[in-house]
Amino acid sequence: MELNILKSGKDEIEFEIESLTLAEILRVYLNKDSAVTFAAWKRDHPTRKPIMLVKTKGKTAKKAIDDAVSAITKDLDKLEADFKKMK
């Protein structure tokens, strides 16, 4: 998946993301992080990609996104393992 970074700073990053579903999942996980002061996405038009804005305090925005992606991956791996146990 490619991200188109629109603005990048230590405590703030704005980027275009491929899918609305991914943007929403990432938003939910980012908002669980106490270092994240703001995480939201917007879409100017249904034919356009969502734009996500993340602001942090105490850790870099890139680190917060990396932590959220790691948490998402961990939860998906657990879900997959639980599903395989059901067979």
PDB file of N, CA and C in Angstrom:
ATOM      1  N   MET A   1       0.850  -1.174   0.000  1.00  0.00           N
ATOM      2  CA  MET A   1       0.000   0.000   0.000  1.00  0.00           C
ATOM      3  C   MET A   1       0.893   1.233   0.000  1.00  0.00           C
ATOM      4  N   GLU A   2       0.560   2.166  -0.832  1.00  0.00           N
ATOM      5  CA  GLU A   2       1.313   3.407  -0.913  1.00  0.00           C
ATOM      6  C   GLU A   2       0.580   4.519  -0.193  1.00  0.00           C
ATOM      7  N   LEU A   3       1.352   5.351   0.484  1.00  0.00           N
ATOM      8  CA  LEU A   3       0.814   6.548   1.114  1.00  0.00           C
ATOM      9  C   LEU A   3       1.408   7.744   0.415  1.00  0.00           C
ATOM     10  N   ASN A   4       0.568   8.705   0.137  1.00  0.00           N
ATOM     11  CA  ASN A   4       1.036   9.955  -0.436  1.00  0.00           C
ATOM     12  C   ASN A   4       1.080  10.979   0.699  1.00  0.00           C
ATOM     13  N   ILE A   5       2.276  11.284   1.188  1.00  0.00           N
ATOM     14  CA  ILE A   5       2.416  12.218   2.312  1.00  0.00           C
ATOM     15  C   ILE A   5       2.277  13.646   1.794  1.00  0.00           C
ATOM     16  N   LEU A   6       1.315  14.359   2.383  1.00  0.00           N
ATOM     17  CA  LEU A   6       1.046  15.734   1.972  1.00  0.00           C
ATOM     18  C   LEU A   6       1.812  16.735   2.829  1.00  0.00           C
ATOM     19  N   LYS A   7       1.862  16.485   4.136  1.00  0.00           N
ATOM     20  CA  LYS A   7       2.607  17.326   5.081  1.00  0.00           C
ATOM     21  C   LYS A   7       3.230  16.408   6.115  1.00  0.00           C
ATOM     22  N   SER A   8       4.440  16.736   6.526  1.00  0.00           N
ATOM     23  CA  SER A   8       5.086  15.902   7.526  1.00  0.00           C
ATOM     24  C   SER A   8       5.927  16.755   8.458  1.00  0.00           C
ATOM     25  N   GLY A   9       5.689  16.554   9.735  1.00  0.00           N
ATOM     26  CA  GLY A   9       6.480  17.203  10.765  1.00  0.00           C
ATOM     27  C   GLY A   9       6.686  16.220  11.895  1.00  0.00           C
ATOM     28  N   LYS A  10       7.377  16.662  12.939  1.00  0.00           N
ATOM     29  CA  LYS A  10       7.653  15.753  14.054  1.00  0.00           C
ATOM     30  C   LYS A  10       6.371  15.299  14.741  1.00  0.00           C
ATOM     31  N   ASP A  11       5.492  16.232  15.054  1.00  0.00           N
ATOM     32  CA  ASP A  11       4.284  15.934  15.824  1.00  0.00           C
ATOM     33  C   ASP A  11       3.009  15.908  14.979  1.00  0.00           C
ATOM     34  N   GLU A  12       3.146  16.036  13.677  1.00  0.00           N
ATOM     35  CA  GLU A  12       1.960  16.088  12.820  1.00  0.00           C
ATOM     36  C   GLU A  12       2.289  15.519  11.444  1.00  0.00           C
ATOM     37  N   ILE A  13       1.346  14.757  10.913  1.00  0.00           N
ATOM     38  CA  ILE A  13       1.503  14.225   9.562  1.00  0.00           C
ATOM     39  C   ILE A  13       0.136  14.192   8.884  1.00  0.00           C
ATOM     40  N   GLU A  14       0.127  14.513   7.620  1.00  0.00           N
ATOM     41  CA  GLU A  14      -1.098  14.453   6.819  1.00  0.00           C
ATOM     42  C   GLU A  14      -0.767  13.655   5.567  1.00  0.00           C
ATOM     43  N   PHE A  15      -1.593  12.644   5.280  1.00  0.00           N
ATOM     44  CA  PHE A  15      -1.306  11.786   4.138  1.00  0.00           C
ATOM     45  C   PHE A  15      -2.602  11.272   3.523  1.00  0.00           C
ATOM     46  N   GLU A  16      -2.465  10.891   2.259  1.00  0.00           N
ATOM     47  CA  GLU A  16      -3.569  10.295   1.506  1.00  0.00           C
ATOM     48  C   GLU A  16      -3.439   8.785   1.651  1.00  0.00           C
ATOM     49  N   ILE A  17      -4.547   8.118   1.916  1.00  0.00           N
ATOM     50  CA  ILE A  17      -4.531   6.670   2.122  1.00  0.00           C
ATOM     51  C   ILE A  17      -5.439   6.022   1.078  1.00  0.00           C
ATOM     52  N   GLU A  18      -5.130   4.786   0.730  1.00  0.00           N
ATOM     53  CA  GLU A  18      -5.805   4.096  -0.370  1.00  0.00           C
ATOM     54  C   GLU A  18      -7.299   3.866  -0.162  1.00  0.00           C
ATOM     55  N   SER A  19      -7.680   3.501   1.052  1.00  0.00           N
ATOM     56  CA  SER A  19      -9.042   3.017   1.242  1.00  0.00           C
ATOM     57  C   SER A  19      -9.695   3.645   2.468  1.00  0.00           C
ATOM     58  N   LEU A  20     -10.971   3.846   2.371  1.00  0.00           N
ATOM     59  CA  LEU A  20     -11.751   4.384   3.482  1.00  0.00           C
ATOM     60  C   LEU A  20     -11.771   3.408   4.651  1.00  0.00           C
ATOM     61  N   THR A  21     -11.829   2.127   4.363  1.00  0.00           N
ATOM     62  CA  THR A  21     -11.827   1.105   5.410  1.00  0.00           C
ATOM     63  C   THR A  21     -10.531   1.147   6.203  1.00  0.00           C
ATOM     64  N   LEU A  22      -9.404   1.211   5.510  1.00  0.00           N
ATOM     65  CA  LEU A  22      -8.116   1.292   6.186  1.00  0.00           C
ATOM     66  C   LEU A  22      -7.985   2.579   6.998  1.00  0.00           C
ATOM     67  N   ALA A  23      -8.486   3.667   6.448  1.00  0.00           N
ATOM     68  CA  ALA A  23      -8.435   4.953   7.162  1.00  0.00           C
ATOM     69  C   ALA A  23      -9.210   4.874   8.469  1.00  0.00           C
ATOM     70  N   GLU A  24     -10.369   4.249   8.449  1.00  0.00           N
ATOM     71  CA  GLU A  24     -11.201   4.155   9.654  1.00  0.00           C
ATOM     72  C   GLU A  24     -10.574   3.235  10.699  1.00  0.00           C
ATOM     73  N   ILE A  25     -10.046   2.098  10.272  1.00  0.00           N
ATOM     74  CA  ILE A  25      -9.387   1.190  11.214  1.00  0.00           C
ATOM     75  C   ILE A  25      -8.177   1.881  11.848  1.00  0.00           C
ATOM     76  N   LEU A  26      -7.384   2.538  11.034  1.00  0.00           N
ATOM     77  CA  LEU A  26      -6.212   3.247  11.544  1.00  0.00           C
ATOM     78  C   LEU A  26      -6.617   4.358  12.508  1.00  0.00           C
ATOM     79  N   ARG A  27      -7.673   5.074  12.207  1.00  0.00           N
ATOM     80  CA  ARG A  27      -8.167   6.140  13.088  1.00  0.00           C
ATOM     81  C   ARG A  27      -8.541   5.589  14.457  1.00  0.00           C
ATOM     82  N   VAL A  28      -9.257   4.477  14.467  1.00  0.00           N
ATOM     83  CA  VAL A  28      -9.693   3.875  15.731  1.00  0.00           C
ATOM     84  C   VAL A  28      -8.487   3.477  16.582  1.00  0.00           C
ATOM     85  N   TYR A  29      -7.517   2.819  15.980  1.00  0.00           N
ATOM     86  CA  TYR A  29      -6.339   2.388  16.728  1.00  0.00           C
ATOM     87  C   TYR A  29      -5.483   3.579  17.164  1.00  0.00           C
ATOM     88  N   LEU A  30      -5.362   4.588  16.328  1.00  0.00           N
ATOM     89  CA  LEU A  30      -4.597   5.774  16.714  1.00  0.00           C
ATOM     90  C   LEU A  30      -5.233   6.481  17.907  1.00  0.00           C
ATOM     91  N   ASN A  31      -6.546   6.543  17.931  1.00  0.00           N
ATOM     92  CA  ASN A  31      -7.227   7.234  19.032  1.00  0.00           C
ATOM     93  C   ASN A  31      -7.143   6.471  20.348  1.00  0.00           C
ATOM     94  N   LYS A  32      -6.702   5.222  20.329  1.00  0.00           N
ATOM     95  CA  LYS A  32      -6.470   4.475  21.564  1.00  0.00           C
ATOM     96  C   LYS A  32      -5.143   4.865  22.211  1.00  0.00           C
ATOM     97  N   ASP A  33      -4.261   5.487  21.457  1.00  0.00           N
ATOM     98  CA  ASP A  33      -2.928   5.871  21.926  1.00  0.00           C
ATOM     99  C   ASP A  33      -3.009   7.202  22.671  1.00  0.00           C
ATOM    100  N   SER A  34      -2.551   7.223  23.920  1.00  0.00           N
ATOM    101  CA  SER A  34      -2.631   8.442  24.727  1.00  0.00           C
ATOM    102  C   SER A  34      -1.734   9.558  24.200  1.00  0.00           C
ATOM    103  N   ALA A  35      -0.723   9.237  23.393  1.00  0.00           N
ATOM    104  CA  ALA A  35       0.159  10.256  22.823  1.00  0.00           C
ATOM    105  C   ALA A  35      -0.468  10.942  21.609  1.00  0.00           C
ATOM    106  N   VAL A  36      -1.525  10.367  21.067  1.00  0.00           N
ATOM    107  CA  VAL A  36      -2.193  10.950  19.903  1.00  0.00           C
ATOM    108  C   VAL A  36      -3.238  11.953  20.395  1.00  0.00           C
ATOM    109  N   THR A  37      -3.077  13.208  19.986  1.00  0.00           N
ATOM    110  CA  THR A  37      -4.024  14.245  20.395  1.00  0.00           C
ATOM    111  C   THR A  37      -5.148  14.422  19.375  1.00  0.00           C
ATOM    112  N   PHE A  38      -4.893  14.011  18.131  1.00  0.00           N
ATOM    113  CA  PHE A  38      -5.911  14.134  17.088  1.00  0.00           C
ATOM    114  C   PHE A  38      -5.611  13.127  15.990  1.00  0.00           C
ATOM    115  N   ALA A  39      -6.617  12.381  15.584  1.00  0.00           N
ATOM    116  CA  ALA A  39      -6.503  11.460  14.454  1.00  0.00           C
ATOM    117  C   ALA A  39      -7.860  11.395  13.778  1.00  0.00           C
ATOM    118  N   ALA A  40      -7.894  11.824  12.536  1.00  0.00           N
ATOM    119  CA  ALA A  40      -9.156  11.820  11.788  1.00  0.00           C
ATOM    120  C   ALA A  40      -8.856  11.782  10.290  1.00  0.00           C
ATOM    121  N   TRP A  41      -9.859  11.393   9.545  1.00  0.00           N
ATOM    122  CA  TRP A  41      -9.738  11.400   8.096  1.00  0.00           C
ATOM    123  C   TRP A  41     -10.877  12.215   7.512  1.00  0.00           C
ATOM    124  N   LYS A  42     -10.672  12.676   6.298  1.00  0.00           N
ATOM    125  CA  LYS A  42     -11.735  13.370   5.565  1.00  0.00           C
ATOM    126  C   LYS A  42     -11.634  12.951   4.104  1.00  0.00           C
ATOM    127  N   ARG A  43     -12.727  13.098   3.423  1.00  0.00           N
ATOM    128  CA  ARG A  43     -12.743  12.803   2.001  1.00  0.00           C
ATOM    129  C   ARG A  43     -13.538  13.905   1.333  1.00  0.00           C
ATOM    130  N   ASP A  44     -12.906  14.636   0.446  1.00  0.00           N
ATOM    131  CA  ASP A  44     -13.557  15.771  -0.204  1.00  0.00           C
ATOM    132  C   ASP A  44     -14.679  15.355  -1.137  1.00  0.00           C
ATOM    133  N   HIS A  45     -14.540  14.190  -1.737  1.00  0.00           N
ATOM    134  CA  HIS A  45     -15.528  13.702  -2.693  1.00  0.00           C
ATOM    135  C   HIS A  45     -15.425  12.179  -2.730  1.00  0.00           C
ATOM    136  N   PRO A  46     -16.536  11.469  -2.941  1.00  0.00           N
ATOM    137  CA  PRO A  46     -16.484  10.000  -2.963  1.00  0.00           C
ATOM    138  C   PRO A  46     -15.514   9.397  -3.984  1.00  0.00           C
ATOM    139  N   THR A  47     -15.157  10.143  -4.999  1.00  0.00           N
ATOM    140  CA  THR A  47     -14.212   9.629  -5.987  1.00  0.00           C
ATOM    141  C   THR A  47     -12.761   9.881  -5.595  1.00  0.00           C
ATOM    142  N   ARG A  48     -12.536  10.600  -4.516  1.00  0.00           N
ATOM    143  CA  ARG A  48     -11.187  10.934  -4.054  1.00  0.00           C
ATOM    144  C   ARG A  48     -10.764  10.022  -2.906  1.00  0.00           C
ATOM    145  N   LYS A  49      -9.478   9.862  -2.724  1.00  0.00           N
ATOM    146  CA  LYS A  49      -8.948   9.068  -1.610  1.00  0.00           C
ATOM    147  C   LYS A  49      -9.076   9.855  -0.305  1.00  0.00           C
ATOM    148  N   PRO A  50      -9.274   9.153   0.805  1.00  0.00           N
ATOM    149  CA  PRO A  50      -9.337   9.842   2.103  1.00  0.00           C
ATOM    150  C   PRO A  50      -7.975  10.445   2.471  1.00  0.00           C
ATOM    151  N   ILE A  51      -8.047  11.559   3.179  1.00  0.00           N
ATOM    152  CA  ILE A  51      -6.853  12.219   3.693  1.00  0.00           C
ATOM    153  C   ILE A  51      -6.896  12.117   5.210  1.00  0.00           C
ATOM    154  N   MET A  52      -5.812  11.634   5.789  1.00  0.00           N
ATOM    155  CA  MET A  52      -5.743  11.425   7.221  1.00  0.00           C
ATOM    156  C   MET A  52      -4.794  12.432   7.844  1.00  0.00           C
ATOM    157  N   LEU A  53      -5.207  12.961   9.001  1.00  0.00           N
ATOM    158  CA  LEU A  53      -4.374  13.888   9.761  1.00  0.00           C
ATOM    159  C   LEU A  53      -4.156  13.302  11.142  1.00  0.00           C
ATOM    160  N   VAL A  54      -2.885  13.251  11.563  1.00  0.00           N
ATOM    161  CA  VAL A  54      -2.521  12.716  12.868  1.00  0.00           C
ATOM    162  C   VAL A  54      -1.645  13.741  13.575  1.00  0.00           C
ATOM    163  N   LYS A  55      -2.033  14.085  14.806  1.00  0.00           N
ATOM    164  CA  LYS A  55      -1.246  14.997  15.638  1.00  0.00           C
ATOM    165  C   LYS A  55      -0.927  14.277  16.943  1.00  0.00           C
ATOM    166  N   THR A  56       0.305  14.469  17.428  1.00  0.00           N
ATOM    167  CA  THR A  56       0.733  13.778  18.636  1.00  0.00           C
ATOM    168  C   THR A  56       1.406  14.729  19.616  1.00  0.00           C
ATOM    169  N   LYS A  57       1.560  14.234  20.825  1.00  0.00           N
ATOM    170  CA  LYS A  57       2.324  14.957  21.846  1.00  0.00           C
ATOM    171  C   LYS A  57       3.071  13.897  22.656  1.00  0.00           C
ATOM    172  N   GLY A  58       4.395  13.963  22.657  1.00  0.00           N
ATOM    173  CA  GLY A  58       5.182  13.007  23.417  1.00  0.00           C
ATOM    174  C   GLY A  58       5.817  11.914  22.584  1.00  0.00           C
ATOM    175  N   LYS A  59       5.375  11.734  21.369  1.00  0.00           N
ATOM    176  CA  LYS A  59       6.008  10.797  20.435  1.00  0.00           C
ATOM    177  C   LYS A  59       5.765  11.319  19.036  1.00  0.00           C
ATOM    178  N   THR A  60       6.588  10.907  18.107  1.00  0.00           N
ATOM    179  CA  THR A  60       6.419  11.403  16.743  1.00  0.00           C
ATOM    180  C   THR A  60       5.162  10.805  16.111  1.00  0.00           C
ATOM    181  N   ALA A  61       4.621  11.512  15.160  1.00  0.00           N
ATOM    182  CA  ALA A  61       3.423  11.038  14.468  1.00  0.00           C
ATOM    183  C   ALA A  61       3.714   9.737  13.715  1.00  0.00           C
ATOM    184  N   LYS A  62       4.894   9.649  13.127  1.00  0.00           N
ATOM    185  CA  LYS A  62       5.258   8.419  12.400  1.00  0.00           C
ATOM    186  C   LYS A  62       5.344   7.232  13.349  1.00  0.00           C
ATOM    187  N   LYS A  63       5.875   7.432  14.546  1.00  0.00           N
ATOM    188  CA  LYS A  63       5.969   6.363  15.543  1.00  0.00           C
ATOM    189  C   LYS A  63       4.567   5.927  15.980  1.00  0.00           C
ATOM    190  N   ALA A  64       3.654   6.891  16.155  1.00  0.00           N
ATOM    191  CA  ALA A  64       2.282   6.573  16.543  1.00  0.00           C
ATOM    192  C   ALA A  64       1.606   5.721  15.467  1.00  0.00           C
ATOM    193  N   ILE A  65       1.826   6.070  14.214  1.00  0.00           N
ATOM    194  CA  ILE A  65       1.241   5.296  13.112  1.00  0.00           C
ATOM    195  C   ILE A  65       1.857   3.901  13.077  1.00  0.00           C
ATOM    196  N   ASP A  66       3.163   3.825  13.249  1.00  0.00           N
ATOM    197  CA  ASP A  66       3.840   2.519  13.272  1.00  0.00           C
ATOM    198  C   ASP A  66       3.301   1.646  14.402  1.00  0.00           C
ATOM    199  N   ASP A  67       3.103   2.234  15.577  1.00  0.00           N
ATOM    200  CA  ASP A  67       2.558   1.484  16.711  1.00  0.00           C
ATOM    201  C   ASP A  67       1.135   1.003  16.426  1.00  0.00           C
ATOM    202  N   ALA A  68       0.329   1.857  15.799  1.00  0.00           N
ATOM    203  CA  ALA A  68      -1.051   1.486  15.476  1.00  0.00           C
ATOM    204  C   ALA A  68      -1.081   0.349  14.453  1.00  0.00           C
ATOM    205  N   VAL A  69      -0.240   0.431  13.450  1.00  0.00           N
ATOM    206  CA  VAL A  69      -0.179  -0.627  12.436  1.00  0.00           C
ATOM    207  C   VAL A  69       0.270  -1.942  13.073  1.00  0.00           C
ATOM    208  N   SER A  70       1.224  -1.879  13.993  1.00  0.00           N
ATOM    209  CA  SER A  70       1.676  -3.088  14.698  1.00  0.00           C
ATOM    210  C   SER A  70       0.545  -3.700  15.520  1.00  0.00           C
ATOM    211  N   ALA A  71      -0.234  -2.860  16.190  1.00  0.00           N
ATOM    212  CA  ALA A  71      -1.365  -3.343  16.988  1.00  0.00           C
ATOM    213  C   ALA A  71      -2.432  -3.976  16.101  1.00  0.00           C
ATOM    214  N   ILE A  72      -2.700  -3.354  14.963  1.00  0.00           N
ATOM    215  CA  ILE A  72      -3.679  -3.899  14.022  1.00  0.00           C
ATOM    216  C   ILE A  72      -3.215  -5.267  13.526  1.00  0.00           C
ATOM    217  N   THR A  73      -1.952  -5.364  13.146  1.00  0.00           N
ATOM    218  CA  THR A  73      -1.384  -6.621  12.652  1.00  0.00           C
ATOM    219  C   THR A  73      -1.465  -7.707  13.722  1.00  0.00           C
ATOM    220  N   LYS A  74      -1.127  -7.346  14.957  1.00  0.00           N
ATOM    221  CA  LYS A  74      -1.180  -8.308  16.063  1.00  0.00           C
ATOM    222  C   LYS A  74      -2.610  -8.817  16.266  1.00  0.00           C
ATOM    223  N   ASP A  75      -3.585  -7.907  16.253  1.00  0.00           N
ATOM    224  CA  ASP A  75      -4.983  -8.310  16.435  1.00  0.00           C
ATOM    225  C   ASP A  75      -5.468  -9.180  15.281  1.00  0.00           C
ATOM    226  N   LEU A  76      -5.054  -8.868  14.066  1.00  0.00           N
ATOM    227  CA  LEU A  76      -5.455  -9.681  12.918  1.00  0.00           C
ATOM    228  C   LEU A  76      -4.827 -11.070  12.969  1.00  0.00           C
ATOM    229  N   ASP A  77      -3.577 -11.147  13.409  1.00  0.00           N
ATOM    230  CA  ASP A  77      -2.928 -12.453  13.553  1.00  0.00           C
ATOM    231  C   ASP A  77      -3.651 -13.300  14.594  1.00  0.00           C
ATOM    232  N   LYS A  78      -4.047 -12.676  15.701  1.00  0.00           N
ATOM    233  CA  LYS A  78      -4.778 -13.398  16.747  1.00  0.00           C
ATOM    234  C   LYS A  78      -6.137 -13.862  16.219  1.00  0.00           C
ATOM    235  N   LEU A  79      -6.811 -13.007  15.488  1.00  0.00           N
ATOM    236  CA  LEU A  79      -8.096 -13.364  14.907  1.00  0.00           C
ATOM    237  C   LEU A  79      -7.954 -14.544  13.945  1.00  0.00           C
ATOM    238  N   GLU A  80      -6.904 -14.527  13.135  1.00  0.00           N
ATOM    239  CA  GLU A  80      -6.662 -15.621  12.201  1.00  0.00           C
ATOM    240  C   GLU A  80      -6.386 -16.932  12.952  1.00  0.00           C
ATOM    241  N   ALA A  81      -5.584 -16.844  14.007  1.00  0.00           N
ATOM    242  CA  ALA A  81      -5.275 -18.040  14.798  1.00  0.00           C
ATOM    243  C   ALA A  81      -6.537 -18.593  15.462  1.00  0.00           C
ATOM    244  N   ASP A  82      -7.361 -17.714  16.006  1.00  0.00           N
ATOM    245  CA  ASP A  82      -8.617 -18.147  16.624  1.00  0.00           C
ATOM    246  C   ASP A  82      -9.544 -18.788  15.597  1.00  0.00           C
ATOM    247  N   PHE A  83      -9.585 -18.235  14.407  1.00  0.00           N
ATOM    248  CA  PHE A  83     -10.426 -18.776  13.346  1.00  0.00           C
ATOM    249  C   PHE A  83      -9.954 -20.177  12.942  1.00  0.00           C
ATOM    250  N   LYS A  84      -8.637 -20.350  12.859  1.00  0.00           N
ATOM    251  CA  LYS A  84      -8.090 -21.665  12.469  1.00  0.00           C
ATOM    252  C   LYS A  84      -8.376 -22.727  13.538  1.00  0.00           C
ATOM    253  N   LYS A  85      -8.476 -22.326  14.796  1.00  0.00           N
ATOM    254  CA  LYS A  85      -8.793 -23.248  15.869  1.00  0.00           C
ATOM    255  C   LYS A  85     -10.221 -23.767  15.768  1.00  0.00           C
ATOM    256  N   MET A  86     -11.090 -22.998  15.117  1.00  0.00           N
ATOM    257  CA  MET A  86     -12.501 -23.376  15.005  1.00  0.00           C
ATOM    258  C   MET A  86     -12.708 -24.548  14.050  1.00  0.00           C
ATOM    259  N   LYS A  87     -11.785 -24.826  13.180  1.00  0.00           N
ATOM    260  CA  LYS A  87     -11.957 -25.872  12.182  1.00  0.00           C
ATOM    261  C   LYS A  87     -11.990 -27.252  12.775  1.00  0.00           C
TER     262      LYS A  87
END
